[in-house]
Protein backbone atom coordinates (compact mmCIF):
# COMPACT_ATOMS: atom_id res chain seq x y z
CA MET A 1 -21.14 -6.57 11.10
CA SER A 2 -18.76 -9.44 11.24
CA ASP A 3 -19.56 -10.80 7.85
CA ALA A 4 -19.13 -7.30 6.11
CA PRO A 5 -16.17 -7.14 3.75
CA ILE A 6 -12.95 -5.70 4.56
CA GLY A 7 -12.68 -2.45 2.36
CA VAL A 8 -9.11 -1.93 0.63
CA PHE A 9 -8.15 1.20 -1.10
CA ASP A 10 -5.45 2.28 -3.37
CA SER A 11 -4.55 4.69 -5.95
CA GLY A 12 -4.43 2.33 -8.72
CA VAL A 13 -3.58 -1.48 -8.61
CA GLY A 14 -0.23 -1.50 -6.24
CA GLY A 15 -2.52 -2.06 -3.47
CA LEU A 16 -3.66 -5.53 -4.93
CA SER A 17 -0.25 -7.04 -3.11
CA VAL A 18 -2.02 -6.08 0.36
CA ALA A 19 -5.29 -7.45 -0.80
CA ARG A 20 -3.58 -10.68 -1.75
CA SER A 21 -1.68 -10.89 1.73
CA ILE A 22 -5.11 -10.41 3.26
CA ARG A 23 -6.73 -13.01 1.42
CA ASP A 24 -3.72 -15.47 2.21
CA GLN A 25 -3.99 -14.74 5.89
CA LEU A 26 -7.93 -14.43 6.09
CA PRO A 27 -9.25 -16.69 3.29
CA ARG A 28 -12.86 -16.66 4.89
CA GLU A 29 -12.95 -12.77 4.84
CA SER A 30 -14.76 -10.88 1.84
CA ILE A 31 -12.90 -8.04 0.47
CA THR A 32 -14.06 -4.90 -1.53
CA TYR A 33 -11.17 -3.32 -3.28
CA ILE A 34 -11.39 0.09 -5.21
CA GLY A 35 -8.47 1.51 -7.06
CA ASP A 36 -8.82 5.26 -7.99
CA THR A 37 -7.10 4.38 -11.57
CA ALA A 38 -9.10 7.54 -13.07
CA ARG A 39 -6.46 9.79 -10.69
CA SER A 40 -3.29 7.55 -10.58
CA PRO A 41 -0.64 7.86 -9.87
CA TYR A 42 -0.77 9.79 -6.73
CA GLY A 43 2.94 9.89 -6.09
CA PRO A 44 3.75 13.07 -8.05
CA ARG A 45 0.50 14.93 -6.97
CA PRO A 46 0.18 17.65 -4.21
CA LEU A 47 -0.56 15.94 -0.60
CA ALA A 48 -3.83 18.48 -0.56
CA GLU A 49 -5.15 16.89 -3.55
CA VAL A 50 -4.30 13.14 -2.56
CA ARG A 51 -6.35 13.69 0.67
CA GLU A 52 -9.17 14.86 -1.15
CA PHE A 53 -9.18 11.96 -3.58
CA ALA A 54 -8.44 9.47 -1.19
CA LEU A 55 -11.31 10.25 1.35
CA GLU A 56 -13.78 10.20 -1.53
CA ALA A 57 -12.59 6.90 -2.26
CA LEU A 58 -13.13 5.70 1.64
CA ASP A 59 -16.21 7.50 1.67
CA THR A 60 -17.37 5.26 -1.12
CA LEU A 61 -16.27 1.85 0.50
CA VAL A 62 -17.96 3.08 3.95
CA ASP A 63 -21.28 3.65 2.03
CA GLN A 64 -21.19 0.03 0.70
CA GLY A 65 -21.07 -1.25 4.18
CA VAL A 66 -17.32 -2.30 4.84
CA LYS A 67 -16.22 -3.29 8.69
CA MET A 68 -13.03 -1.96 8.24
CA LEU A 69 -10.79 0.35 6.05
CA VAL A 70 -7.40 -0.73 4.87
CA ILE A 71 -5.50 2.43 3.18
CA ALA A 72 -3.40 0.30 0.77
CA CYS A 73 -1.45 3.25 -0.48
CA ASN A 74 1.78 5.04 1.25
CA THR A 75 1.24 8.28 -0.34
CA ALA A 76 -2.56 8.50 0.81
CA SER A 77 -1.44 7.11 4.33
CA ALA A 78 0.73 10.06 4.46
CA ALA A 79 -1.65 12.44 3.34
CA MET A 80 -4.98 11.53 5.51
CA LEU A 81 -4.68 8.89 7.87
CA ARG A 82 -5.52 10.99 10.81
CA ASP A 83 -8.53 12.32 9.00
CA ALA A 84 -9.88 9.12 7.97
CA ARG A 85 -9.40 7.81 11.57
CA GLU A 86 -11.40 10.97 12.83
CA ARG A 87 -13.88 10.79 10.02
CA TYR A 88 -15.05 7.07 9.95
CA SER A 89 -16.51 4.63 12.97
CA VAL A 90 -14.91 1.63 11.58
CA PRO A 91 -11.52 0.69 12.48
CA VAL A 92 -8.55 2.13 9.79
CA VAL A 93 -5.29 0.26 9.02
CA GLU A 94 -2.69 1.67 6.91
CA VAL A 95 0.73 0.90 5.64
CA ILE A 96 3.34 3.06 6.99
CA GLN A 97 3.36 1.98 10.88
CA PRO A 98 3.47 -1.77 10.26
CA ALA A 99 6.44 -1.54 8.02
CA VAL A 100 7.76 0.72 10.49
CA ARG A 101 7.73 -1.56 13.37
CA ALA A 102 8.88 -4.40 11.38
CA ALA A 103 12.01 -2.64 10.38
CA VAL A 104 13.07 -1.47 13.92
CA SER A 105 12.72 -5.06 14.83
CA SER A 106 14.59 -6.39 12.10
CA THR A 107 17.62 -4.01 11.91
CA LYS A 108 20.97 -5.21 13.64
CA ASN A 109 23.35 -2.36 12.58
CA LEU A 110 20.59 0.39 13.10
CA ARG A 111 20.73 1.75 9.61
CA VAL A 112 17.38 1.40 7.89
CA GLY A 113 16.55 2.55 4.21
CA VAL A 114 12.87 3.35 2.86
CA ILE A 115 12.31 3.58 -0.59
CA GLY A 116 8.81 5.11 -2.17
CA THR A 117 7.20 7.38 -4.48
CA GLU A 118 8.14 10.93 -4.75
CA GLY A 119 4.85 11.93 -2.88
CA THR A 120 5.71 9.62 -0.03
CA ILE A 121 9.15 10.53 0.52
CA ARG A 122 8.51 14.20 0.19
CA SER A 123 5.73 14.00 2.92
CA ARG A 124 8.37 12.78 5.42
CA ALA A 125 5.89 10.44 6.75
CA TYR A 126 8.48 7.81 7.37
CA ASN A 127 10.82 10.32 9.10
CA ASP A 128 8.03 10.93 11.28
CA ALA A 129 7.08 7.40 11.91
CA PHE A 130 10.68 6.31 12.66
CA ALA A 131 11.22 9.38 15.10
CA ALA A 132 9.94 6.96 17.88
CA ALA A 133 13.30 5.11 17.38
CA PRO A 134 15.84 7.83 17.66
CA HIS A 135 18.67 5.41 18.00
CA LEU A 136 18.35 4.37 14.54
CA GLU A 137 19.67 5.85 11.38
CA LEU A 138 17.13 6.61 8.36
CA PHE A 139 18.06 7.02 4.78
CA THR A 140 15.26 7.76 2.24
CA GLN A 141 14.90 7.61 -1.56
CA ALA A 142 12.36 8.42 -4.19
CA CYS A 143 12.23 5.64 -6.82
CA PRO A 144 9.31 6.83 -8.93
CA ARG A 145 9.88 4.92 -12.02
CA PHE A 146 9.38 1.40 -10.21
CA VAL A 147 5.88 2.06 -10.57
CA GLU A 148 6.06 1.91 -14.30
CA PHE A 149 8.10 -1.19 -14.42
CA VAL A 150 5.53 -2.98 -12.30
CA GLU A 151 2.64 -1.89 -14.53
CA SER A 152 4.30 -2.98 -17.54
CA GLY A 153 5.19 -6.42 -16.23
CA ASP A 154 9.12 -5.76 -16.29
CA THR A 155 10.73 -7.40 -13.63
CA THR A 156 13.97 -8.34 -15.29
CA SER A 157 15.02 -6.29 -17.82
CA ARG A 158 18.47 -4.45 -18.28
CA GLU A 159 16.75 -0.97 -17.84
CA LEU A 160 15.06 -2.00 -14.83
CA PHE A 161 18.41 -3.07 -13.23
CA ALA A 162 19.88 0.08 -14.54
CA VAL A 163 17.59 2.27 -13.02
CA ALA A 164 17.63 0.41 -9.92
CA GLU A 165 21.44 0.60 -9.34
CA GLN A 166 21.10 4.23 -9.88
CA TYR A 167 18.13 4.55 -7.11
CA LEU A 168 19.62 1.90 -4.60
CA ALA A 169 23.21 2.90 -4.90
CA PRO A 170 23.31 5.65 -2.38
CA LEU A 171 21.54 3.41 0.09
CA ARG A 172 23.99 0.54 -0.54
CA GLU A 173 26.71 3.43 0.36
CA HIS A 174 24.92 4.02 3.53
CA ASP A 175 25.43 0.30 4.66
CA ILE A 176 21.85 -0.38 5.28
CA ASP A 177 20.77 -3.80 6.43
CA THR A 178 17.06 -3.19 6.37
CA LEU A 179 15.08 -1.81 3.42
CA VAL A 180 11.22 -0.75 3.79
CA LEU A 181 9.27 -1.08 0.52
CA GLY A 182 7.47 2.01 0.95
CA CYS A 183 4.97 1.66 -2.09
CA THR A 184 2.67 -1.17 -2.37
CA HIS A 185 3.96 -1.82 -5.99
CA TYR A 186 7.34 -2.52 -4.98
CA PRO A 187 6.64 -6.12 -3.71
CA PHE A 188 6.34 -7.07 -7.11
CA LEU A 189 10.21 -6.00 -7.88
CA LYS A 190 11.30 -7.96 -4.51
CA GLY A 191 13.52 -9.91 -6.81
CA ALA A 192 15.19 -7.13 -8.80
CA ILE A 193 15.60 -4.85 -5.34
CA SER A 194 17.01 -7.84 -3.49
CA TYR A 195 19.41 -8.57 -6.16
CA VAL A 196 20.76 -4.93 -6.31
CA MET A 197 20.99 -4.54 -2.73
CA GLY A 198 22.54 -8.04 -1.86
CA ASP A 199 21.99 -10.92 0.54
CA GLY A 200 22.84 -8.84 3.39
CA VAL A 201 19.84 -6.58 3.26
CA ARG A 202 16.48 -7.62 4.60
CA LEU A 203 13.37 -6.34 2.68
CA VAL A 204 10.44 -5.38 4.47
CA SER A 205 7.20 -5.27 2.56
CA SER A 206 4.01 -3.36 3.54
CA ASP A 207 1.83 -5.85 1.94
CA THR A 208 2.61 -8.55 4.44
CA GLU A 209 2.99 -6.34 7.52
CA THR A 210 -0.21 -4.71 6.85
CA ALA A 211 -1.95 -7.72 6.27
CA ASN A 212 -0.69 -8.84 10.07
CA ASP A 213 -2.20 -5.82 11.30
CA VAL A 214 -5.42 -6.55 9.77
CA TYR A 215 -5.60 -9.92 11.26
CA ARG A 216 -4.81 -8.74 14.91
CA GLU A 217 -7.56 -5.78 14.54
CA LEU A 218 -10.12 -8.43 13.47
CA VAL A 219 -9.41 -10.84 16.03
CA SER A 220 -9.00 -8.34 18.84
CA ARG A 221 -12.14 -6.61 18.14
CA GLY A 222 -13.89 -9.88 17.59
CA ILE A 223 -15.45 -8.70 14.26
CA GLU A 224 -13.60 -11.88 12.18
CA ARG A 225 -15.98 -13.38 9.75
CA THR A 226 -18.41 -16.16 11.00
CA SER A 227 -20.41 -16.98 7.85
CA ALA A 228 -20.01 -20.54 6.44
CA ALA A 229 -20.74 -19.05 2.81
CA PRO A 230 -17.81 -18.68 0.39
CA ALA A 231 -16.03 -15.21 0.81
CA VAL A 232 -16.65 -12.94 -2.00
CA HIS A 233 -13.91 -10.57 -3.44
CA ARG A 234 -15.23 -7.41 -5.19
CA TYR A 235 -12.72 -5.34 -7.53
CA GLU A 236 -13.81 -1.83 -8.27
CA ALA A 237 -12.02 0.94 -10.16
CA THR A 238 -12.82 4.59 -10.76
CA GLY A 239 -11.21 4.66 -14.38
CA ASP A 240 -12.95 4.43 -17.83
CA SER A 241 -11.52 1.09 -18.54
CA ALA A 242 -12.14 -2.27 -16.60
CA ASP A 243 -10.06 -3.81 -19.12
CA GLU A 244 -6.78 -1.90 -18.32
CA PHE A 245 -7.53 -2.67 -14.53
CA MET A 246 -7.65 -6.68 -15.34
CA ARG A 247 -4.66 -6.34 -17.65
CA LEU A 248 -2.60 -5.03 -14.70
CA ALA A 249 -4.16 -7.49 -12.08
CA ASP A 250 -3.43 -10.35 -14.42
CA LEU A 251 0.44 -9.28 -14.69
CA MET A 252 0.56 -8.86 -10.95
CA LEU A 253 -1.65 -11.60 -9.52
CA GLY A 254 -2.70 -13.97 -12.34
CA ARG A 255 -6.24 -14.88 -12.52
CA GLN A 256 -7.07 -13.84 -9.00
CA VAL A 257 -9.39 -11.04 -10.47
CA SER A 258 -12.14 -12.23 -12.27
CA SER A 259 -13.93 -9.06 -13.05
CA VAL A 260 -14.07 -5.33 -12.28
CA GLU A 261 -16.91 -2.94 -11.59
CA LEU A 262 -16.61 0.68 -12.66
CA VAL A 263 -17.42 3.38 -9.90
CA GLU A 264 -17.69 7.02 -9.54
CA THR A 265 -16.90 8.40 -6.22
CA GLY A 266 -18.70 11.25 -4.61
CA VAL A 267 -17.20 14.79 -4.47
CA ILE A 268 -16.62 16.14 -0.98
CA THR A 269 -15.69 19.56 0.66
CA LEU A 270 -13.20 19.13 3.09
CA PRO A 271 -11.84 21.49 6.16
CA PRO A 272 -8.04 22.62 5.55
CA ALA A 273 -5.46 19.99 6.55
CA ARG A 274 -4.21 20.39 9.82
């Protein structure tokens, strides 16, 4: 079991930021990544639909024999984390709590911002997670267009900075000192976001914090990989074009992704969300 791969899931390619951080911290671990590109983006979708799609993808990873699941999508984490932890016997790591813990530890003036997709912000998942730190003031902002800038490879255009100014101005007015990047696409815009927010605001990125949790889970459970053979990194997508996944992966990671397999997830019937 310890030599089985870590399964990483995202609605598309944003979760590659999490997979990259896991590879950086755990270079001996094998990874199987699945991006639900056929139904991406999840952000504008109803949470009940996201829940169904995400669990279908996680079922596919479990069927492939992964030893751990990483939900590298904030919207999916908000929609079905409890379902996943009840449904699967392998450990499940997600992206919201790790970022919240880091933000709580980081803030000095107790004013924290969160940016994310419309679905993540609408779910109030971060509000619920920060409820354990009632001494903090929390300010949230949906930034839906950031995903399209990342996926077009645009990190410096005037249009990007104009949109970022519009999205982030309310958070600057609230004088936050810590900003959670609540979407796994957003680390690829760290430069632009930091430029607009200023040097006095620390950015908390879910990719790095989630990789830290993956490391702790593996070591504490004694399931870190022991094989001397090279790690294997597999990338799968549910869409009809491996070329499009590769194009986006090249934009975001360079040449770390050498090939992509197209897969179909199974259709499942779920009880109503509780």
